[in-house]
Amino acid sequence: MKGRYPFITISRQTGAGGHRLANELITQMQKEGEPLFRGWQVFDQEIWKKVLEDPKMKVSVKALMTEEYLSQLEDILFNLFERQTPQDVVIHRIFQLLRTLASYGKVILVGRAGACVTRSLPSGIHVRLVASEPNRANRMVRLLHVDEKEARRVMEECDRSRARLVRDYFKRDIADPLLYDVVWNTDTVPMETVAAAIIRMIQAKTSAVSVV
């Protein structure tokens, strides 16, 4: 039933731990005895794969997986010479899929402007993760197996891409705390604590809806 269950969106600075939080949430949910926490799923790279299942969507897998976001002019030129589906069509398809998943609930949506796409749905809990640049760079070095210079380059590129997506499609600043219900600094707050707090938020939101 649509709207019956809550959902979570996770926005994050690159290297702040978005995927780690999603995994920790699933781990803690599996320990909860309530039916509310059964059957939750994470959608991050998988959501792009679902779009690619459509034979009409002939886009670059690499571009989607790395959240590459091109300017409108770049996209026009890319489409002209590569004869691929315009990126704008793919992005709107992704947004539609995000809203559909969120409307049914019990999903954790990582990235892809999830907080903006699902803003009008009342059951969402919107989270933003931030961390210091040195700590984020160290995490990216370990994750990508690259040196610090390359890790910082990837961080800057990804963060610019994400900010541009939110700005161009929703006219919002991705760093605006008012887009989110809560902003966590993962330098100082353990991921286990963040996940536990979000689970309590889910329970509170569900109870409030039930009372109404």
Protein backbone atom coordinates (compact mmCIF):
# COMPACT_ATOMS: atom_id res chain seq x y z
CA MET A 1 0.00 0.00 0.00
CA LYS A 2 1.43 3.36 -1.04
CA GLY A 3 2.34 5.79 1.74
CA ARG A 4 1.99 3.22 4.50
CA TYR A 5 5.68 2.81 5.25
CA PRO A 6 8.46 5.36 5.72
CA PHE A 7 11.55 5.70 3.56
CA ILE A 8 14.99 7.25 3.97
CA THR A 9 17.06 9.42 1.65
CA ILE A 10 20.78 9.84 2.22
CA SER A 11 22.66 12.81 0.79
CA ARG A 12 26.36 12.96 1.50
CA GLN A 13 29.62 14.65 0.80
CA THR A 14 31.89 12.26 -1.08
CA GLY A 15 33.67 10.08 1.45
CA ALA A 16 31.34 10.94 4.33
CA GLY A 17 29.96 7.41 4.49
CA GLY A 18 26.61 7.26 2.71
CA HIS A 19 26.86 3.62 1.64
CA ARG A 20 28.27 2.66 5.02
CA LEU A 21 25.27 4.22 6.73
CA ALA A 22 22.85 2.41 4.44
CA ASN A 23 24.49 -0.92 5.26
CA GLU A 24 24.55 -0.16 8.99
CA LEU A 25 20.85 0.71 8.90
CA ILE A 26 20.02 -2.63 7.30
CA THR A 27 22.15 -4.44 9.89
CA GLN A 28 20.40 -2.74 12.80
CA MET A 29 16.95 -3.14 11.25
CA GLN A 30 17.50 -6.89 11.02
CA LYS A 31 18.02 -6.94 14.80
CA GLU A 32 14.75 -5.12 15.47
CA GLY A 33 11.75 -7.30 16.29
CA GLU A 34 9.12 -5.03 14.77
CA PRO A 35 7.46 -5.87 11.44
CA LEU A 36 8.13 -2.23 10.50
CA PHE A 37 11.80 -3.06 9.96
CA ARG A 38 11.36 -6.18 7.86
CA GLY A 39 12.00 -6.11 4.13
CA TRP A 40 13.92 -2.85 3.79
CA GLN A 41 16.15 -2.46 0.73
CA VAL A 42 18.97 -0.15 -0.31
CA PHE A 43 18.90 1.50 -3.72
CA ASP A 44 22.10 3.14 -4.90
CA GLN A 45 23.90 1.78 -7.95
CA GLU A 46 21.13 -0.77 -8.39
CA ILE A 47 18.67 1.96 -9.31
CA TRP A 48 20.79 2.89 -12.30
CA LYS A 49 20.92 -0.73 -13.40
CA LYS A 50 17.13 -0.85 -13.43
CA VAL A 51 17.03 2.12 -15.79
CA LEU A 52 19.55 0.43 -18.04
CA GLU A 53 17.23 -2.58 -18.35
CA ASP A 54 15.12 -0.41 -20.67
CA PRO A 55 16.54 -0.98 -24.18
CA LYS A 56 15.63 2.59 -25.15
CA MET A 57 18.02 3.99 -22.55
CA LYS A 58 21.37 3.78 -24.33
CA VAL A 59 23.53 5.63 -21.84
CA SER A 60 27.02 5.05 -20.55
CA VAL A 61 27.12 2.61 -17.65
CA LYS A 62 30.31 4.22 -16.38
CA ALA A 63 28.73 7.68 -16.38
CA LEU A 64 25.72 6.48 -14.41
CA MET A 65 27.69 4.53 -11.84
CA THR A 66 29.98 7.45 -11.08
CA GLU A 67 27.08 9.93 -10.95
CA GLU A 68 28.60 11.93 -13.81
CA TYR A 69 26.42 14.91 -14.59
CA LEU A 70 27.02 16.86 -17.79
CA SER A 71 26.06 20.42 -18.58
CA GLN A 72 23.22 20.90 -21.07
CA LEU A 73 25.61 21.94 -23.84
CA GLU A 74 27.90 18.96 -23.19
CA ASP A 75 24.90 16.67 -23.25
CA ILE A 76 23.67 18.04 -26.59
CA LEU A 77 27.10 17.56 -28.15
CA PHE A 78 27.46 14.11 -26.61
CA ASN A 79 24.08 13.06 -27.97
CA LEU A 80 24.84 14.53 -31.39
CA PHE A 81 28.08 12.63 -31.88
CA GLU A 82 27.40 9.45 -29.90
CA ARG A 83 23.73 9.03 -30.89
CA GLN A 84 22.76 8.15 -27.34
CA THR A 85 19.70 9.02 -25.28
CA PRO A 86 19.91 12.58 -23.92
CA GLN A 87 20.98 12.54 -20.30
CA ASP A 88 17.97 14.64 -19.35
CA VAL A 89 15.62 11.80 -20.32
CA VAL A 90 17.56 9.36 -18.19
CA ILE A 91 17.66 11.67 -15.18
CA HIS A 92 13.91 12.23 -15.28
CA ARG A 93 13.42 8.48 -15.55
CA ILE A 94 15.59 8.04 -12.45
CA PHE A 95 13.58 10.68 -10.59
CA GLN A 96 10.33 8.92 -11.49
CA LEU A 97 11.69 5.60 -10.26
CA LEU A 98 12.89 7.19 -7.01
CA ARG A 99 9.45 8.61 -6.29
CA THR A 100 7.77 5.30 -7.06
CA LEU A 101 10.06 3.40 -4.72
CA ALA A 102 9.65 6.00 -1.98
CA SER A 103 5.87 6.01 -2.29
CA TYR A 104 5.80 2.32 -1.32
CA GLY A 105 8.31 2.81 1.50
CA LYS A 106 10.85 0.59 3.25
CA VAL A 107 13.63 1.80 0.97
CA ILE A 108 16.91 3.61 1.60
CA LEU A 109 17.72 5.88 -1.34
CA VAL A 110 21.38 6.91 -1.53
CA GLY A 111 22.13 10.04 -3.53
CA ARG A 112 20.51 11.12 -6.83
CA ALA A 113 18.89 14.19 -5.23
CA GLY A 114 16.55 11.89 -3.31
CA ALA A 115 15.56 14.50 -0.72
CA CYS A 116 14.44 16.90 -3.46
CA VAL A 117 12.75 14.29 -5.64
CA THR A 118 10.65 12.95 -2.76
CA ARG A 119 10.09 16.24 -0.92
CA SER A 120 6.30 16.15 -1.34
CA LEU A 121 5.96 12.65 0.13
CA PRO A 122 5.21 12.88 3.86
CA SER A 123 6.78 9.61 5.01
CA GLY A 124 10.39 10.43 4.23
CA ILE A 125 13.31 10.92 6.59
CA HIS A 126 15.97 12.96 4.84
CA VAL A 127 19.56 12.65 6.05
CA ARG A 128 22.71 14.54 5.09
CA LEU A 129 26.21 13.30 5.99
CA VAL A 130 29.21 15.62 6.17
CA ALA A 131 32.82 15.23 7.27
CA SER A 132 36.12 17.09 7.16
CA GLU A 133 38.07 17.04 3.91
CA PRO A 134 41.13 15.23 5.36
CA ASN A 135 39.02 12.42 6.80
CA ARG A 136 36.98 12.08 3.62
CA ALA A 137 40.17 11.96 1.57
CA ASN A 138 41.59 9.22 3.80
CA ARG A 139 38.43 7.16 3.35
CA MET A 140 38.56 7.58 -0.42
CA VAL A 141 42.24 6.55 -0.49
CA ARG A 142 41.30 3.29 1.23
CA LEU A 143 38.18 2.76 -0.83
CA LEU A 144 39.64 3.48 -4.28
CA HIS A 145 43.21 2.33 -3.58
CA VAL A 146 44.63 5.58 -4.94
CA ASP A 147 46.94 8.27 -3.57
CA GLU A 148 45.64 11.28 -1.67
CA LYS A 149 45.92 13.66 -4.63
CA GLU A 150 43.73 11.43 -6.79
CA ALA A 151 41.28 10.88 -3.91
CA ARG A 152 40.83 14.63 -3.50
CA ARG A 153 40.34 15.06 -7.24
CA VAL A 154 37.59 12.43 -7.26
CA MET A 155 35.96 14.01 -4.21
CA GLU A 156 35.86 17.45 -5.77
CA GLU A 157 34.53 16.13 -9.07
CA CYS A 158 31.76 14.07 -7.44
CA ASP A 159 30.71 16.86 -5.08
CA ARG A 160 30.53 19.38 -7.94
CA SER A 161 28.45 16.96 -10.00
CA ARG A 162 25.98 16.31 -7.17
CA ALA A 163 25.64 20.00 -6.35
CA ARG A 164 25.00 20.85 -10.00
CA LEU A 165 22.30 18.20 -10.29
CA VAL A 166 20.37 19.63 -7.34
CA ARG A 167 20.90 23.22 -8.47
CA ASP A 168 19.90 22.72 -12.10
CA TYR A 169 16.86 20.51 -11.56
CA PHE A 170 15.55 21.83 -8.24
CA LYS A 171 17.08 25.31 -7.89
CA ARG A 172 18.40 24.38 -4.46
CA ASP A 173 21.78 24.28 -2.73
CA ILE A 174 22.69 20.69 -1.85
CA ALA A 175 24.43 21.97 1.32
CA ASP A 176 21.30 23.78 2.59
CA PRO A 177 20.50 22.10 5.94
CA LEU A 178 16.81 22.96 5.48
CA LEU A 179 16.60 20.30 2.76
CA TYR A 180 17.14 17.63 5.40
CA ASP A 181 15.60 16.47 8.65
CA VAL A 182 19.01 15.94 10.20
CA VAL A 183 22.67 16.55 9.29
CA TRP A 184 25.33 14.31 10.84
CA ASN A 185 29.08 14.92 11.10
CA THR A 186 30.61 11.48 10.64
CA ASP A 187 33.98 12.70 11.91
CA THR A 188 32.59 12.88 15.42
CA VAL A 189 29.50 10.66 15.47
CA PRO A 190 29.95 6.89 14.97
CA MET A 191 27.93 5.38 12.14
CA GLU A 192 26.28 2.99 14.59
CA THR A 193 24.97 5.97 16.56
CA VAL A 194 23.68 7.68 13.43
CA ALA A 195 21.85 4.52 12.32
CA ALA A 196 20.33 3.97 15.75
CA ALA A 197 19.05 7.55 15.84
CA ILE A 198 17.47 7.21 12.40
CA ILE A 199 15.71 4.02 13.46
CA ARG A 200 14.21 5.90 16.41
CA MET A 201 13.11 8.63 13.98
CA ILE A 202 11.39 6.01 11.84
CA GLN A 203 9.52 4.68 14.87
CA ALA A 204 8.48 8.18 15.93
CA LYS A 205 7.27 9.11 12.44
CA THR A 206 5.31 5.88 12.10
CA SER A 207 3.69 6.36 15.52
CA ALA A 208 2.72 9.93 14.66
CA VAL A 209 1.06 8.81 11.43
CA SER A 210 -0.78 6.00 13.25
CA VAL A 211 -2.16 8.40 15.84
CA VAL A 212 -3.46 10.76 13.14
